PDB file of N, CA and C in Angstrom:
ATOM      1  N   UNK A   1     214.084 365.620  23.894  1.00  0.00           N
ATOM      2  CA  UNK A   1     215.167 364.872  23.283  1.00  0.00           C
ATOM      3  C   UNK A   1     214.661 363.475  22.947  1.00  0.00           C
ATOM      4  N   UNK A   2     214.936 363.026  21.739  1.00  0.00           N
ATOM      5  CA  UNK A   2     214.496 361.697  21.311  1.00  0.00           C
ATOM      6  C   UNK A   2     215.369 360.624  21.959  1.00  0.00           C
ATOM      7  N   UNK A   3     214.884 359.390  21.913  1.00  0.00           N
ATOM      8  CA  UNK A   3     215.650 358.276  22.457  1.00  0.00           C
ATOM      9  C   UNK A   3     216.978 358.130  21.712  1.00  0.00           C
ATOM     10  N   UNK A   4     216.943 358.246  20.391  1.00  0.00           N
ATOM     11  CA  UNK A   4     218.170 358.123  19.594  1.00  0.00           C
ATOM     12  C   UNK A   4     219.180 359.194  20.001  1.00  0.00           C
ATOM     13  N   UNK A   5     218.708 360.412  20.225  1.00  0.00           N
ATOM     14  CA  UNK A   5     219.613 361.486  20.642  1.00  0.00           C
ATOM     15  C   UNK A   5     220.192 361.210  22.034  1.00  0.00           C
ATOM     16  N   UNK A   6     219.366 360.715  22.935  1.00  0.00           N
ATOM     17  CA  UNK A   6     219.828 360.400  24.286  1.00  0.00           C
ATOM     18  C   UNK A   6     220.864 359.279  24.258  1.00  0.00           C
ATOM     19  N   UNK A   7     220.613 358.234  23.481  1.00  0.00           N
ATOM     20  CA  UNK A   7     221.568 357.130  23.368  1.00  0.00           C
ATOM     21  C   UNK A   7     222.895 357.615  22.780  1.00  0.00           C
ATOM     22  N   UNK A   8     222.823 358.489  21.801  1.00  0.00           N
ATOM     23  CA  UNK A   8     224.044 359.033  21.203  1.00  0.00           C
ATOM     24  C   UNK A   8     224.811 359.862  22.235  1.00  0.00           C
ATOM     25  N   UNK A   9     224.089 360.620  23.044  1.00  0.00           N
ATOM     26  CA  UNK A   9     224.719 361.415  24.105  1.00  0.00           C
ATOM     27  C   UNK A   9     225.434 360.497  25.111  1.00  0.00           C
ATOM     28  N   UNK A  10     224.795 359.395  25.458  1.00  0.00           N
ATOM     29  CA  UNK A  10     225.401 358.433  26.387  1.00  0.00           C
ATOM     30  C   UNK A  10     226.660 357.835  25.779  1.00  0.00           C
ATOM     31  N   UNK A  11     226.596 357.451  24.487  1.00  0.00           N
ATOM     32  CA  UNK A  11     227.769 356.888  23.801  1.00  0.00           C
ATOM     33  C   UNK A  11     228.938 357.875  23.792  1.00  0.00           C
ATOM     34  N   UNK A  12     228.640 359.116  23.475  1.00  0.00           N
ATOM     35  CA  UNK A  12     229.699 360.135  23.419  1.00  0.00           C
ATOM     36  C   UNK A  12     230.286 360.370  24.808  1.00  0.00           C
ATOM     37  N   UNK A  13     229.446 360.377  25.829  1.00  0.00           N
ATOM     38  CA  UNK A  13     229.933 360.551  27.194  1.00  0.00           C
ATOM     39  C   UNK A  13     230.822 359.395  27.623  1.00  0.00           C
ATOM     40  N   UNK A  14     230.475 358.191  27.192  1.00  0.00           N
ATOM     41  CA  UNK A  14     231.269 357.009  27.532  1.00  0.00           C
ATOM     42  C   UNK A  14     232.670 357.111  26.942  1.00  0.00           C
ATOM     43  N   UNK A  15     232.781 357.717  25.777  1.00  0.00           N
ATOM     44  CA  UNK A  15     234.104 357.873  25.146  1.00  0.00           C
ATOM     45  C   UNK A  15     235.029 358.712  26.027  1.00  0.00           C
ATOM     46  N   UNK A  16     234.451 359.633  26.788  1.00  0.00           N
ATOM     47  CA  UNK A  16     235.259 360.491  27.652  1.00  0.00           C
ATOM     48  C   UNK A  16     235.519 359.840  29.014  1.00  0.00           C
ATOM     49  N   UNK A  17     234.583 359.014  29.488  1.00  0.00           N
ATOM     50  CA  UNK A  17     234.697 358.416  30.822  1.00  0.00           C
ATOM     51  C   UNK A  17     235.471 357.103  30.842  1.00  0.00           C
ATOM     52  N   UNK A  18     235.352 356.316  29.770  1.00  0.00           N
ATOM     53  CA  UNK A  18     235.938 354.973  29.759  1.00  0.00           C
ATOM     54  C   UNK A  18     237.274 355.019  29.030  1.00  0.00           C
ATOM     55  N   UNK A  19     238.336 354.553  29.686  1.00  0.00           N
ATOM     56  CA  UNK A  19     239.650 354.546  29.020  1.00  0.00           C
ATOM     57  C   UNK A  19     239.620 353.759  27.713  1.00  0.00           C
ATOM     58  N   UNK A  20     240.442 354.200  26.777  1.00  0.00           N
ATOM     59  CA  UNK A  20     240.482 353.609  25.435  1.00  0.00           C
ATOM     60  C   UNK A  20     240.692 352.095  25.468  1.00  0.00           C
ATOM     61  N   UNK A  21     241.630 351.605  26.306  1.00  0.00           N
ATOM     62  CA  UNK A  21     241.901 350.169  26.326  1.00  0.00           C
ATOM     63  C   UNK A  21     240.680 349.372  26.785  1.00  0.00           C
ATOM     64  N   UNK A  22     239.885 349.923  27.696  1.00  0.00           N
ATOM     65  CA  UNK A  22     238.673 349.233  28.132  1.00  0.00           C
ATOM     66  C   UNK A  22     237.597 349.278  27.051  1.00  0.00           C
ATOM     67  N   UNK A  23     237.491 350.406  26.351  1.00  0.00           N
ATOM     68  CA  UNK A  23     236.519 350.487  25.258  1.00  0.00           C
ATOM     69  C   UNK A  23     236.847 349.486  24.156  1.00  0.00           C
ATOM     70  N   UNK A  24     238.138 349.258  23.894  1.00  0.00           N
ATOM     71  CA  UNK A  24     238.537 348.277  22.884  1.00  0.00           C
ATOM     72  C   UNK A  24     238.161 346.860  23.324  1.00  0.00           C
ATOM     73  N   UNK A  25     238.346 346.561  24.609  1.00  0.00           N
ATOM     74  CA  UNK A  25     237.965 345.248  25.133  1.00  0.00           C
ATOM     75  C   UNK A  25     236.460 345.053  25.000  1.00  0.00           C
ATOM     76  N   UNK A  26     235.687 346.090  25.359  1.00  0.00           N
ATOM     77  CA  UNK A  26     234.224 346.003  25.260  1.00  0.00           C
ATOM     78  C   UNK A  26     233.788 345.821  23.806  1.00  0.00           C
ATOM     79  N   UNK A  27     234.403 346.576  22.894  1.00  0.00           N
ATOM     80  CA  UNK A  27     234.050 346.474  21.474  1.00  0.00           C
ATOM     81  C   UNK A  27     234.359 345.081  20.949  1.00  0.00           C
ATOM     82  N   UNK A  28     235.504 344.515  21.360  1.00  0.00           N
ATOM     83  CA  UNK A  28     235.864 343.162  20.923  1.00  0.00           C
ATOM     84  C   UNK A  28     234.830 342.152  21.425  1.00  0.00           C
ATOM     85  N   UNK A  29     234.402 342.290  22.685  1.00  0.00           N
ATOM     86  CA  UNK A  29     233.391 341.386  23.235  1.00  0.00           C
ATOM     87  C   UNK A  29     232.069 341.488  22.488  1.00  0.00           C
ATOM     88  N   UNK A  30     231.669 342.707  22.160  1.00  0.00           N
ATOM     89  CA  UNK A  30     230.423 342.917  21.404  1.00  0.00           C
ATOM     90  C   UNK A  30     230.527 342.270  20.025  1.00  0.00           C
ATOM     91  N   UNK A  31     231.660 342.477  19.361  1.00  0.00           N
ATOM     92  CA  UNK A  31     231.850 341.880  18.026  1.00  0.00           C
ATOM     93  C   UNK A  31     231.843 340.358  18.086  1.00  0.00           C
ATOM     94  N   UNK A  32     232.464 339.793  19.127  1.00  0.00           N
ATOM     95  CA  UNK A  32     232.469 338.336  19.281  1.00  0.00           C
ATOM     96  C   UNK A  32     231.054 337.801  19.459  1.00  0.00           C
ATOM     97  N   UNK A  33     230.243 338.509  20.234  1.00  0.00           N
ATOM     98  CA  UNK A  33     228.845 338.087  20.405  1.00  0.00           C
ATOM     99  C   UNK A  33     228.098 338.143  19.076  1.00  0.00           C
ATOM    100  N   UNK A  34     228.261 339.234  18.344  1.00  0.00           N
ATOM    101  CA  UNK A  34     227.585 339.360  17.043  1.00  0.00           C
ATOM    102  C   UNK A  34     227.993 338.234  16.101  1.00  0.00           C
ATOM    103  N   UNK A  35     229.308 337.950  16.050  1.00  0.00           N
ATOM    104  CA  UNK A  35     229.815 336.919  15.150  1.00  0.00           C
ATOM    105  C   UNK A  35     229.410 335.508  15.580  1.00  0.00           C
ATOM    106  N   UNK A  36     229.056 335.341  16.850  1.00  0.00           N
ATOM    107  CA  UNK A  36     228.670 334.015  17.346  1.00  0.00           C
ATOM    108  C   UNK A  36     227.307 333.580  16.815  1.00  0.00           C
ATOM    109  N   UNK A  37     226.536 334.522  16.268  1.00  0.00           N
ATOM    110  CA  UNK A  37     225.203 334.200  15.780  1.00  0.00           C
ATOM    111  C   UNK A  37     224.119 334.327  16.839  1.00  0.00           C
ATOM    112  N   UNK A  38     224.462 334.828  18.002  1.00  0.00           N
ATOM    113  CA  UNK A  38     223.497 334.920  19.093  1.00  0.00           C
ATOM    114  C   UNK A  38     222.294 335.798  18.725  1.00  0.00           C
ATOM    115  N   UNK A  39     222.524 336.787  17.871  1.00  0.00           N
ATOM    116  CA  UNK A  39     221.423 337.685  17.500  1.00  0.00           C
ATOM    117  C   UNK A  39     220.344 336.980  16.683  1.00  0.00           C
ATOM    118  N   UNK A  40     220.685 335.823  16.098  1.00  0.00           N
ATOM    119  CA  UNK A  40     219.693 335.080  15.321  1.00  0.00           C
ATOM    120  C   UNK A  40     218.616 334.466  16.207  1.00  0.00           C
ATOM    121  N   UNK A  41     218.905 334.309  17.507  1.00  0.00           N
ATOM    122  CA  UNK A  41     217.951 333.625  18.385  1.00  0.00           C
ATOM    123  C   UNK A  41     217.304 334.546  19.419  1.00  0.00           C
ATOM    124  N   UNK A  42     217.602 335.854  19.370  1.00  0.00           N
ATOM    125  CA  UNK A  42     216.989 336.762  20.336  1.00  0.00           C
ATOM    126  C   UNK A  42     215.579 337.124  19.901  1.00  0.00           C
ATOM    127  N   UNK A  43     214.750 337.496  20.876  1.00  0.00           N
ATOM    128  CA  UNK A  43     213.398 337.927  20.564  1.00  0.00           C
ATOM    129  C   UNK A  43     213.443 339.251  19.809  1.00  0.00           C
ATOM    130  N   UNK A  44     212.561 339.394  18.853  1.00  0.00           N
ATOM    131  CA  UNK A  44     212.465 340.619  18.070  1.00  0.00           C
ATOM    132  C   UNK A  44     211.202 341.374  18.476  1.00  0.00           C
ATOM    133  N   UNK A  45     211.119 342.622  18.087  1.00  0.00           N
ATOM    134  CA  UNK A  45     209.946 343.439  18.361  1.00  0.00           C
ATOM    135  C   UNK A  45     208.709 342.707  17.852  1.00  0.00           C
ATOM    136  N   UNK A  46     207.715 342.578  18.725  1.00  0.00           N
ATOM    137  CA  UNK A  46     206.471 341.904  18.356  1.00  0.00           C
ATOM    138  C   UNK A  46     206.439 340.436  18.730  1.00  0.00           C
ATOM    139  N   UNK A  47     207.603 339.833  19.061  1.00  0.00           N
ATOM    140  CA  UNK A  47     207.634 338.436  19.489  1.00  0.00           C
ATOM    141  C   UNK A  47     207.025 338.299  20.878  1.00  0.00           C
ATOM    142  N   UNK A  48     206.503 337.129  21.173  1.00  0.00           N
ATOM    143  CA  UNK A  48     205.978 336.838  22.505  1.00  0.00           C
ATOM    144  C   UNK A  48     207.058 336.177  23.343  1.00  0.00           C
ATOM    145  N   UNK A  49     207.090 336.545  24.593  1.00  0.00           N
ATOM    146  CA  UNK A  49     208.026 335.930  25.529  1.00  0.00           C
ATOM    147  C   UNK A  49     207.483 334.571  25.931  1.00  0.00           C
ATOM    148  N   UNK A  50     208.320 333.544  25.981  1.00  0.00           N
ATOM    149  CA  UNK A  50     207.837 332.233  26.425  1.00  0.00           C
ATOM    150  C   UNK A  50     207.374 332.310  27.883  1.00  0.00           C
ATOM    151  N   UNK A  51     206.411 331.484  28.281  1.00  0.00           N
ATOM    152  CA  UNK A  51     205.978 331.479  29.679  1.00  0.00           C
ATOM    153  C   UNK A  51     207.157 331.165  30.609  1.00  0.00           C
ATOM    154  N   UNK A  52     207.124 331.753  31.798  1.00  0.00           N
ATOM    155  CA  UNK A  52     208.220 331.548  32.748  1.00  0.00           C
ATOM    156  C   UNK A  52     207.695 331.638  34.176  1.00  0.00           C
ATOM    157  N   UNK A  53     208.524 331.147  35.096  1.00  0.00           N
ATOM    158  CA  UNK A  53     208.259 331.278  36.529  1.00  0.00           C
ATOM    159  C   UNK A  53     209.525 331.799  37.183  1.00  0.00           C
ATOM    160  N   UNK A  54     209.362 332.838  38.003  1.00  0.00           N
ATOM    161  CA  UNK A  54     210.501 333.443  38.684  1.00  0.00           C
ATOM    162  C   UNK A  54     210.140 333.695  40.143  1.00  0.00           C
ATOM    163  N   UNK A  55     211.136 333.713  41.030  1.00  0.00           N
ATOM    164  CA  UNK A  55     210.836 334.010  42.428  1.00  0.00           C
ATOM    165  C   UNK A  55     210.525 335.495  42.621  1.00  0.00           C
ATOM    166  N   UNK A  56     209.571 335.767  43.514  1.00  0.00           N
ATOM    167  CA  UNK A  56     209.273 337.153  43.857  1.00  0.00           C
ATOM    168  C   UNK A  56     210.152 337.585  45.028  1.00  0.00           C
ATOM    169  N   UNK A  57     209.847 338.732  45.619  1.00  0.00           N
ATOM    170  CA  UNK A  57     210.685 339.280  46.677  1.00  0.00           C
ATOM    171  C   UNK A  57     210.719 338.409  47.931  1.00  0.00           C
ATOM    172  N   UNK A  58     209.749 337.504  48.101  1.00  0.00           N
ATOM    173  CA  UNK A  58     209.751 336.607  49.264  1.00  0.00           C
ATOM    174  C   UNK A  58     210.212 335.200  48.907  1.00  0.00           C
ATOM    175  N   UNK A  59     210.602 335.000  47.647  1.00  0.00           N
ATOM    176  CA  UNK A  59     211.105 333.708  47.223  1.00  0.00           C
ATOM    177  C   UNK A  59     210.049 332.771  46.654  1.00  0.00           C
ATOM    178  N   UNK A  60     208.781 333.176  46.663  1.00  0.00           N
ATOM    179  CA  UNK A  60     207.716 332.358  46.088  1.00  0.00           C
ATOM    180  C   UNK A  60     207.758 332.449  44.567  1.00  0.00           C
ATOM    181  N   UNK A  61     207.553 331.311  43.879  1.00  0.00           N
ATOM    182  CA  UNK A  61     207.549 331.329  42.425  1.00  0.00           C
ATOM    183  C   UNK A  61     206.264 331.965  41.901  1.00  0.00           C
ATOM    184  N   UNK A  62     206.435 332.849  40.927  1.00  0.00           N
ATOM    185  CA  UNK A  62     205.311 333.546  40.298  1.00  0.00           C
ATOM    186  C   UNK A  62     205.325 333.188  38.818  1.00  0.00           C
ATOM    187  N   UNK A  63     204.163 332.837  38.299  1.00  0.00           N
ATOM    188  CA  UNK A  63     204.030 332.423  36.904  1.00  0.00           C
ATOM    189  C   UNK A  63     203.616 333.610  36.030  1.00  0.00           C
ATOM    190  N   UNK A  64     204.272 333.751  34.888  1.00  0.00           N
ATOM    191  CA  UNK A  64     203.889 334.817  33.964  1.00  0.00           C
ATOM    192  C   UNK A  64     202.458 334.617  33.474  1.00  0.00           C
ATOM    193  N   UNK A  65     202.046 333.374  33.302  1.00  0.00           N
ATOM    194  CA  UNK A  65     200.661 333.109  32.861  1.00  0.00           C
ATOM    195  C   UNK A  65     199.653 333.615  33.885  1.00  0.00           C
ATOM    196  N   UNK A  66     199.939 333.376  35.177  1.00  0.00           N
ATOM    197  CA  UNK A  66     199.040 333.865  36.222  1.00  0.00           C
ATOM    198  C   UNK A  66     198.972 335.388  36.231  1.00  0.00           C
ATOM    199  N   UNK A  67     200.112 336.023  36.066  1.00  0.00           N
ATOM    200  CA  UNK A  67     200.135 337.488  36.048  1.00  0.00           C
ATOM    201  C   UNK A  67     199.389 338.040  34.836  1.00  0.00           C
ATOM    202  N   UNK A  68     199.564 337.415  33.677  1.00  0.00           N
ATOM    203  CA  UNK A  68     198.901 337.892  32.463  1.00  0.00           C
ATOM    204  C   UNK A  68     197.387 337.729  32.528  1.00  0.00           C
ATOM    205  N   UNK A  69     196.915 336.765  33.297  1.00  0.00           N
ATOM    206  CA  UNK A  69     195.458 336.604  33.464  1.00  0.00           C
ATOM    207  C   UNK A  69     194.861 337.825  34.178  1.00  0.00           C
ATOM    208  N   UNK A  70     195.683 338.489  34.971  1.00  0.00           N
ATOM    209  CA  UNK A  70     195.206 339.654  35.728  1.00  0.00           C
ATOM    210  C   UNK A  70     195.326 340.944  34.922  1.00  0.00           C
ATOM    211  N   UNK A  71     196.036 340.916  33.790  1.00  0.00           N
ATOM    212  CA  UNK A  71     196.188 342.116  32.967  1.00  0.00           C
ATOM    213  C   UNK A  71     197.563 342.171  32.331  1.00  0.00           C
ATOM    214  N   UNK A  72     197.875 343.304  31.702  1.00  0.00           N
ATOM    215  CA  UNK A  72     199.174 343.455  31.042  1.00  0.00           C
ATOM    216  C   UNK A  72     200.326 343.282  32.035  1.00  0.00           C
ATOM    217  N   UNK A  73     201.441 342.804  31.518  1.00  0.00           N
ATOM    218  CA  UNK A  73     202.612 342.550  32.337  1.00  0.00           C
ATOM    219  C   UNK A  73     203.769 343.399  31.825  1.00  0.00           C
ATOM    220  N   UNK A  74     204.385 344.149  32.719  1.00  0.00           N
ATOM    221  CA  UNK A  74     205.558 344.963  32.379  1.00  0.00           C
ATOM    222  C   UNK A  74     206.747 344.363  33.106  1.00  0.00           C
ATOM    223  N   UNK A  75     207.818 344.109  32.361  1.00  0.00           N
ATOM    224  CA  UNK A  75     209.028 343.552  32.958  1.00  0.00           C
ATOM    225  C   UNK A  75     210.144 344.575  32.863  1.00  0.00           C
ATOM    226  N   UNK A  76     210.961 344.625  33.887  1.00  0.00           N
ATOM    227  CA  UNK A  76     212.115 345.505  33.915  1.00  0.00           C
ATOM    228  C   UNK A  76     213.350 344.652  34.183  1.00  0.00           C
ATOM    229  N   UNK A  77     214.394 344.892  33.430  1.00  0.00           N
ATOM    230  CA  UNK A  77     215.633 344.154  33.606  1.00  0.00           C
ATOM    231  C   UNK A  77     216.681 345.115  34.156  1.00  0.00           C
ATOM    232  N   UNK A  78     217.353 344.693  35.196  1.00  0.00           N
ATOM    233  CA  UNK A  78     218.418 345.497  35.789  1.00  0.00           C
ATOM    234  C   UNK A  78     219.749 344.844  35.496  1.00  0.00           C
ATOM    235  N   UNK A  79     220.705 345.636  35.107  1.00  0.00           N
ATOM    236  CA  UNK A  79     222.044 345.136  34.842  1.00  0.00           C
ATOM    237  C   UNK A  79     222.988 345.836  35.813  1.00  0.00           C
ATOM    238  N   UNK A  80     223.860 345.074  36.405  1.00  0.00           N
ATOM    239  CA  UNK A  80     224.821 345.707  37.296  1.00  0.00           C
ATOM    240  C   UNK A  80     225.385 344.735  38.296  1.00  0.00           C
ATOM    241  N   UNK A  81     226.195 345.287  39.175  1.00  0.00           N
ATOM    242  CA  UNK A  81     226.824 344.500  40.223  1.00  0.00           C
ATOM    243  C   UNK A  81     226.004 344.670  41.495  1.00  0.00           C
ATOM    244  N   UNK A  82     225.698 343.575  42.148  1.00  0.00           N
ATOM    245  CA  UNK A  82     224.867 343.659  43.350  1.00  0.00           C
ATOM    246  C   UNK A  82     225.685 343.478  44.581  1.00  0.00           C
TER     247      UNK A  82
END
């Protein structure tokens, strides 16, 4: 299954799981973000991420530049409630 097919499957499943009134609220929020112009400033495919420093699992700051000196860097973003 292609990524596009999987994403479409997820969208269709959401229509059955998420009540209509909540889907309308989510759609309104998405449209407001689009209309705000925020998409004009997001990174695009092929763009470089600016250098950054973030805490690791022990709270020590880790530099992206230091990590990149050791080789390729893969980042994962998690979304959710903790």
